[in-house]
Amino acid sequence: MALLRHRRDRIARIDHKINRLRARATKLLAREEALQSRIEELRQAEEQSMGRLRAARVTRTARRADGRLERLQSERRELVERELDRIMGALDAQSRRTRTRLDRELERLVPVEEEWERLRATFDALGNVVSTPAIEQSAGALGDVLQIPEFPIQEREGYVKPFPRGAMVF
């Protein structure tokens, strides 16, 4: 049970990283938007007629704000790239662990699958016997119910049946 809890903790840590990334990137974007609004106000103030000193101060303030905006945008871009790389690395590692575990569990089902296939062969043999003229008249519609579905888990075309064709498996 502790091993299962540890696996959940890994996935919970990945979820935490995703949520933390969202929160941090959203916060940086809000700061960028606020700074962008401030820059627009400063640009509008530059266009208004005012004294030479005040105009120079407004221009200087706007230039500094532009620099801060570029740094904030760069910081957010680097944060997103760095954290997405970490999250994708963690997801890759976890999906590999999970896939390995699934493969081990599927290997344990091989004897059950063999028994299932023997049972299918037995049903097929009975179906063939029931369809012979000597038995068909007495058996009636029994031939229609003598079918067994495919084993629920098997590899087909390179993927294990419980996974859809487009599933991302690392």
C-alpha atoms as a PDB file:
ATOM      1  CA  MET A   1       0.000   0.000   0.000  1.00  0.00           C
ATOM      2  CA  ALA A   2       2.894   2.364   0.729  1.00  0.00           C
ATOM      3  CA  LEU A   3       4.245   1.776  -2.786  1.00  0.00           C
ATOM      4  CA  LEU A   4       0.871   2.700  -4.300  1.00  0.00           C
ATOM      5  CA  ARG A   5       0.720   5.834  -2.138  1.00  0.00           C
ATOM      6  CA  HIS A   6       4.220   6.760  -3.357  1.00  0.00           C
ATOM      7  CA  ARG A   7       3.043   6.494  -6.974  1.00  0.00           C
ATOM      8  CA  ARG A   8       0.086   8.724  -6.229  1.00  0.00           C
ATOM      9  CA  ASP A   9       2.431  11.155  -4.559  1.00  0.00           C
ATOM     10  CA  ARG A  10       4.533  11.346  -7.733  1.00  0.00           C
ATOM     11  CA  ILE A  11       1.473  12.139  -9.792  1.00  0.00           C
ATOM     12  CA  ALA A  12       0.279  14.570  -7.127  1.00  0.00           C
ATOM     13  CA  ARG A  13       3.673  16.285  -7.296  1.00  0.00           C
ATOM     14  CA  ILE A  14       3.319  16.623 -11.052  1.00  0.00           C
ATOM     15  CA  ASP A  15      -0.167  18.068 -10.580  1.00  0.00           C
ATOM     16  CA  HIS A  16       1.279  20.461  -8.026  1.00  0.00           C
ATOM     17  CA  LYS A  17       3.979  21.560 -10.498  1.00  0.00           C
ATOM     18  CA  ILE A  18       1.325  22.187 -13.147  1.00  0.00           C
ATOM     19  CA  ASN A  19      -0.818  24.235 -10.770  1.00  0.00           C
ATOM     20  CA  ARG A  20       2.205  26.162  -9.521  1.00  0.00           C
ATOM     21  CA  LEU A  21       3.255  26.923 -13.100  1.00  0.00           C
ATOM     22  CA  ARG A  22      -0.236  28.179 -13.912  1.00  0.00           C
ATOM     23  CA  ALA A  23      -0.305  30.404 -10.837  1.00  0.00           C
ATOM     24  CA  ARG A  24       3.177  31.841 -11.370  1.00  0.00           C
ATOM     25  CA  ALA A  25       2.704  32.439 -15.100  1.00  0.00           C
ATOM     26  CA  THR A  26      -0.701  34.048 -14.468  1.00  0.00           C
ATOM     27  CA  LYS A  27       0.792  36.322 -11.834  1.00  0.00           C
ATOM     28  CA  LEU A  28       3.621  37.373 -14.168  1.00  0.00           C
ATOM     29  CA  LEU A  29       1.152  37.971 -17.002  1.00  0.00           C
ATOM     30  CA  ALA A  30      -0.984  40.166 -14.739  1.00  0.00           C
ATOM     31  CA  ARG A  31       2.120  42.182 -13.847  1.00  0.00           C
ATOM     32  CA  GLU A  32       2.959  42.493 -17.538  1.00  0.00           C
ATOM     33  CA  GLU A  33      -0.544  43.689 -18.379  1.00  0.00           C
ATOM     34  CA  ALA A  34      -0.506  46.232 -15.569  1.00  0.00           C
ATOM     35  CA  LEU A  35       2.886  47.493 -16.701  1.00  0.00           C
ATOM     36  CA  GLN A  36       1.673  47.633 -20.310  1.00  0.00           C
ATOM     37  CA  SER A  37      -1.267  49.793 -19.198  1.00  0.00           C
ATOM     38  CA  ARG A  38       1.127  52.044 -17.313  1.00  0.00           C
ATOM     39  CA  ILE A  39       3.341  52.359 -20.404  1.00  0.00           C
ATOM     40  CA  GLU A  40       0.323  53.312 -22.512  1.00  0.00           C
ATOM     41  CA  GLU A  41      -0.584  56.003 -19.969  1.00  0.00           C
ATOM     42  CA  LEU A  42       2.994  57.309 -20.074  1.00  0.00           C
ATOM     43  CA  ARG A  43       2.988  57.350 -23.909  1.00  0.00           C
ATOM     44  CA  GLN A  44      -0.239  59.327 -23.872  1.00  0.00           C
ATOM     45  CA  ALA A  45       1.266  61.727 -21.337  1.00  0.00           C
ATOM     46  CA  GLU A  46       4.300  62.181 -23.614  1.00  0.00           C
ATOM     47  CA  GLU A  47       1.999  63.388 -26.388  1.00  0.00           C
ATOM     48  CA  GLN A  48       0.431  66.036 -24.198  1.00  0.00           C
ATOM     49  CA  SER A  49       2.071  69.410 -24.092  1.00  0.00           C
ATOM     50  CA  MET A  50       3.983  69.899 -20.854  1.00  0.00           C
ATOM     51  CA  GLY A  51       7.190  71.411 -19.668  1.00  0.00           C
ATOM     52  CA  ARG A  52      10.523  70.193 -21.032  1.00  0.00           C
ATOM     53  CA  LEU A  53      11.669  68.692 -17.710  1.00  0.00           C
ATOM     54  CA  ARG A  54       8.390  66.913 -17.086  1.00  0.00           C
ATOM     55  CA  ALA A  55       8.388  65.550 -20.655  1.00  0.00           C
ATOM     56  CA  ALA A  56      11.947  64.249 -20.243  1.00  0.00           C
ATOM     57  CA  ARG A  57      11.015  62.609 -16.930  1.00  0.00           C
ATOM     58  CA  VAL A  58       7.919  60.951 -18.474  1.00  0.00           C
ATOM     59  CA  THR A  59       9.992  59.704 -21.439  1.00  0.00           C
ATOM     60  CA  ARG A  60      12.659  58.306 -19.119  1.00  0.00           C
ATOM     61  CA  THR A  61      10.007  56.620 -16.967  1.00  0.00           C
ATOM     62  CA  ALA A  62       8.405  55.102 -20.072  1.00  0.00           C
ATOM     63  CA  ARG A  63      11.780  53.757 -21.272  1.00  0.00           C
ATOM     64  CA  ARG A  64      12.441  52.172 -17.877  1.00  0.00           C
ATOM     65  CA  ALA A  65       8.969  50.660 -17.883  1.00  0.00           C
ATOM     66  CA  ASP A  66       9.637  49.230 -21.374  1.00  0.00           C
ATOM     67  CA  GLY A  67      12.796  47.594 -20.029  1.00  0.00           C
ATOM     68  CA  ARG A  68      10.914  46.152 -17.045  1.00  0.00           C
ATOM     69  CA  LEU A  69       8.204  44.866 -19.385  1.00  0.00           C
ATOM     70  CA  GLU A  70      10.784  43.109 -21.566  1.00  0.00           C
ATOM     71  CA  ARG A  71      12.393  41.550 -18.475  1.00  0.00           C
ATOM     72  CA  LEU A  72       8.998  40.388 -17.185  1.00  0.00           C
ATOM     73  CA  GLN A  73       8.112  38.874 -20.564  1.00  0.00           C
ATOM     74  CA  SER A  74      11.478  37.153 -20.717  1.00  0.00           C
ATOM     75  CA  GLU A  75      11.098  35.904 -17.133  1.00  0.00           C
ATOM     76  CA  ARG A  76       7.651  34.448 -17.887  1.00  0.00           C
ATOM     77  CA  ARG A  77       8.851  32.851 -21.131  1.00  0.00           C
ATOM     78  CA  GLU A  78      11.866  31.272 -19.383  1.00  0.00           C
ATOM     79  CA  LEU A  79       9.698  30.118 -16.467  1.00  0.00           C
ATOM     80  CA  VAL A  80       7.221  28.444 -18.816  1.00  0.00           C
ATOM     81  CA  GLU A  81       9.933  26.749 -20.886  1.00  0.00           C
ATOM     82  CA  ARG A  82      11.869  25.562 -17.837  1.00  0.00           C
ATOM     83  CA  GLU A  83       8.832  24.291 -15.934  1.00  0.00           C
ATOM     84  CA  LEU A  84       7.264  22.634 -18.976  1.00  0.00           C
ATOM     85  CA  ASP A  85      10.542  20.789 -19.540  1.00  0.00           C
ATOM     86  CA  ARG A  86      10.520  19.640 -15.911  1.00  0.00           C
ATOM     87  CA  ILE A  87       6.860  18.630 -16.040  1.00  0.00           C
ATOM     88  CA  MET A  88       7.303  16.739 -19.302  1.00  0.00           C
ATOM     89  CA  GLY A  89      10.366  14.996 -17.870  1.00  0.00           C
ATOM     90  CA  ALA A  90       8.427  13.989 -14.763  1.00  0.00           C
ATOM     91  CA  LEU A  91       5.479  12.809 -16.872  1.00  0.00           C
ATOM     92  CA  ASP A  92       7.821  10.824 -19.092  1.00  0.00           C
ATOM     93  CA  ALA A  93       9.458   9.131 -16.111  1.00  0.00           C
ATOM     94  CA  GLN A  94       6.113   8.401 -14.445  1.00  0.00           C
ATOM     95  CA  SER A  95       4.531   7.066 -17.622  1.00  0.00           C
ATOM     96  CA  ARG A  96       7.531   4.767 -18.123  1.00  0.00           C
ATOM     97  CA  ARG A  97       7.183   3.474 -14.548  1.00  0.00           C
ATOM     98  CA  THR A  98       3.452   2.971 -15.039  1.00  0.00           C
ATOM     99  CA  ARG A  99       3.976   1.246 -18.386  1.00  0.00           C
ATOM    100  CA  THR A 100       6.558  -1.084 -16.838  1.00  0.00           C
ATOM    101  CA  ARG A 101       4.137  -1.901 -14.033  1.00  0.00           C
ATOM    102  CA  LEU A 102       1.348  -2.509 -16.544  1.00  0.00           C
ATOM    103  CA  ASP A 103       3.588  -4.822 -18.557  1.00  0.00           C
ATOM    104  CA  ARG A 104       4.366  -6.824 -15.387  1.00  0.00           C
ATOM    105  CA  GLU A 105       0.666  -7.077 -14.568  1.00  0.00           C
ATOM    106  CA  LEU A 106      -0.198  -8.123 -18.125  1.00  0.00           C
ATOM    107  CA  GLU A 107       2.464 -10.845 -17.984  1.00  0.00           C
ATOM    108  CA  ARG A 108       0.651 -12.270 -14.963  1.00  0.00           C
ATOM    109  CA  LEU A 109      -2.473 -12.595 -17.144  1.00  0.00           C
ATOM    110  CA  VAL A 110      -0.798 -14.805 -19.773  1.00  0.00           C
ATOM    111  CA  PRO A 111      -1.992 -18.074 -18.148  1.00  0.00           C
ATOM    112  CA  VAL A 112      -5.527 -16.677 -17.905  1.00  0.00           C
ATOM    113  CA  GLU A 113      -5.391 -15.652 -21.566  1.00  0.00           C
ATOM    114  CA  GLU A 114      -4.244 -19.153 -22.530  1.00  0.00           C
ATOM    115  CA  GLU A 115      -7.129 -20.653 -20.580  1.00  0.00           C
ATOM    116  CA  TRP A 116      -9.499 -18.162 -22.234  1.00  0.00           C
ATOM    117  CA  GLU A 117      -8.274 -19.199 -25.689  1.00  0.00           C
ATOM    118  CA  ARG A 118      -8.678 -22.900 -24.798  1.00  0.00           C
ATOM    119  CA  LEU A 119     -12.217 -22.098 -23.660  1.00  0.00           C
ATOM    120  CA  ARG A 120     -12.835 -20.268 -26.957  1.00  0.00           C
ATOM    121  CA  ALA A 121     -11.555 -23.296 -28.887  1.00  0.00           C
ATOM    122  CA  THR A 122     -13.887 -25.517 -26.873  1.00  0.00           C
ATOM    123  CA  PHE A 123     -16.843 -23.212 -27.621  1.00  0.00           C
ATOM    124  CA  ASP A 124     -15.867 -23.252 -31.315  1.00  0.00           C
ATOM    125  CA  ALA A 125     -15.666 -27.046 -31.291  1.00  0.00           C
ATOM    126  CA  LEU A 126     -19.100 -27.275 -29.683  1.00  0.00           C
ATOM    127  CA  GLY A 127     -20.432 -24.753 -32.193  1.00  0.00           C
ATOM    128  CA  ASN A 128     -19.099 -26.880 -35.044  1.00  0.00           C
ATOM    129  CA  VAL A 129     -20.704 -29.986 -33.575  1.00  0.00           C
ATOM    130  CA  VAL A 130     -24.016 -28.215 -33.017  1.00  0.00           C
ATOM    131  CA  SER A 131     -24.050 -27.078 -36.646  1.00  0.00           C
ATOM    132  CA  THR A 132     -23.816 -30.615 -37.982  1.00  0.00           C
ATOM    133  CA  PRO A 133     -27.046 -31.975 -39.432  1.00  0.00           C
ATOM    134  CA  ALA A 134     -27.275 -34.752 -36.821  1.00  0.00           C
ATOM    135  CA  ILE A 135     -27.394 -32.291 -33.912  1.00  0.00           C
ATOM    136  CA  GLU A 136     -28.577 -29.018 -35.480  1.00  0.00           C
ATOM    137  CA  GLN A 137     -32.272 -29.945 -35.516  1.00  0.00           C
ATOM    138  CA  SER A 138     -32.295 -30.869 -31.829  1.00  0.00           C
ATOM    139  CA  ALA A 139     -30.050 -28.015 -30.645  1.00  0.00           C
ATOM    140  CA  GLY A 140     -32.207 -25.310 -32.198  1.00  0.00           C
ATOM    141  CA  ALA A 141     -30.819 -21.777 -31.726  1.00  0.00           C
ATOM    142  CA  LEU A 142     -28.072 -22.921 -29.386  1.00  0.00           C
ATOM    143  CA  GLY A 143     -25.471 -22.213 -32.072  1.00  0.00           C
ATOM    144  CA  ASP A 144     -26.146 -18.468 -31.766  1.00  0.00           C
ATOM    145  CA  VAL A 145     -25.174 -18.338 -28.082  1.00  0.00           C
ATOM    146  CA  LEU A 146     -22.029 -20.427 -28.429  1.00  0.00           C
ATOM    147  CA  GLN A 147     -19.705 -17.490 -28.829  1.00  0.00           C
ATOM    148  CA  ILE A 148     -17.100 -16.139 -26.467  1.00  0.00           C
ATOM    149  CA  PRO A 149     -15.672 -12.668 -26.883  1.00  0.00           C
ATOM    150  CA  GLU A 150     -11.987 -11.963 -27.428  1.00  0.00           C
ATOM    151  CA  PHE A 151      -9.747 -11.892 -24.407  1.00  0.00           C
ATOM    152  CA  PRO A 152     -10.284  -8.398 -22.967  1.00  0.00           C
ATOM    153  CA  ILE A 153      -6.606  -7.502 -22.934  1.00  0.00           C
ATOM    154  CA  GLN A 154      -4.348  -8.287 -25.817  1.00  0.00           C
ATOM    155  CA  GLU A 155      -1.824  -6.607 -28.056  1.00  0.00           C
ATOM    156  CA  ARG A 156      -3.060  -5.597 -31.479  1.00  0.00           C
ATOM    157  CA  GLU A 157      -1.186  -3.503 -33.987  1.00  0.00           C
ATOM    158  CA  GLY A 158       1.424  -2.443 -31.451  1.00  0.00           C
ATOM    159  CA  TYR A 159      -0.830  -1.333 -28.620  1.00  0.00           C
ATOM    160  CA  VAL A 160      -2.389  -3.113 -25.711  1.00  0.00           C
ATOM    161  CA  LYS A 161      -6.151  -3.198 -26.150  1.00  0.00           C
ATOM    162  CA  PRO A 162      -7.185  -1.135 -23.096  1.00  0.00           C
ATOM    163  CA  PHE A 163      -5.258   1.800 -24.595  1.00  0.00           C
ATOM    164  CA  PRO A 164      -6.787   3.561 -27.598  1.00  0.00           C
ATOM    165  CA  ARG A 165      -4.710   3.887 -30.747  1.00  0.00           C
ATOM    166  CA  GLY A 166      -3.894   7.559 -30.143  1.00  0.00           C
ATOM    167  CA  ALA A 167      -2.982   7.233 -26.465  1.00  0.00           C
ATOM    168  CA  MET A 168       0.275   8.885 -25.465  1.00  0.00           C
ATOM    169  CA  VAL A 169       2.504   6.199 -24.049  1.00  0.00           C
ATOM    170  CA  PHE A 170       6.158   7.089 -23.679  1.00  0.00           C
END
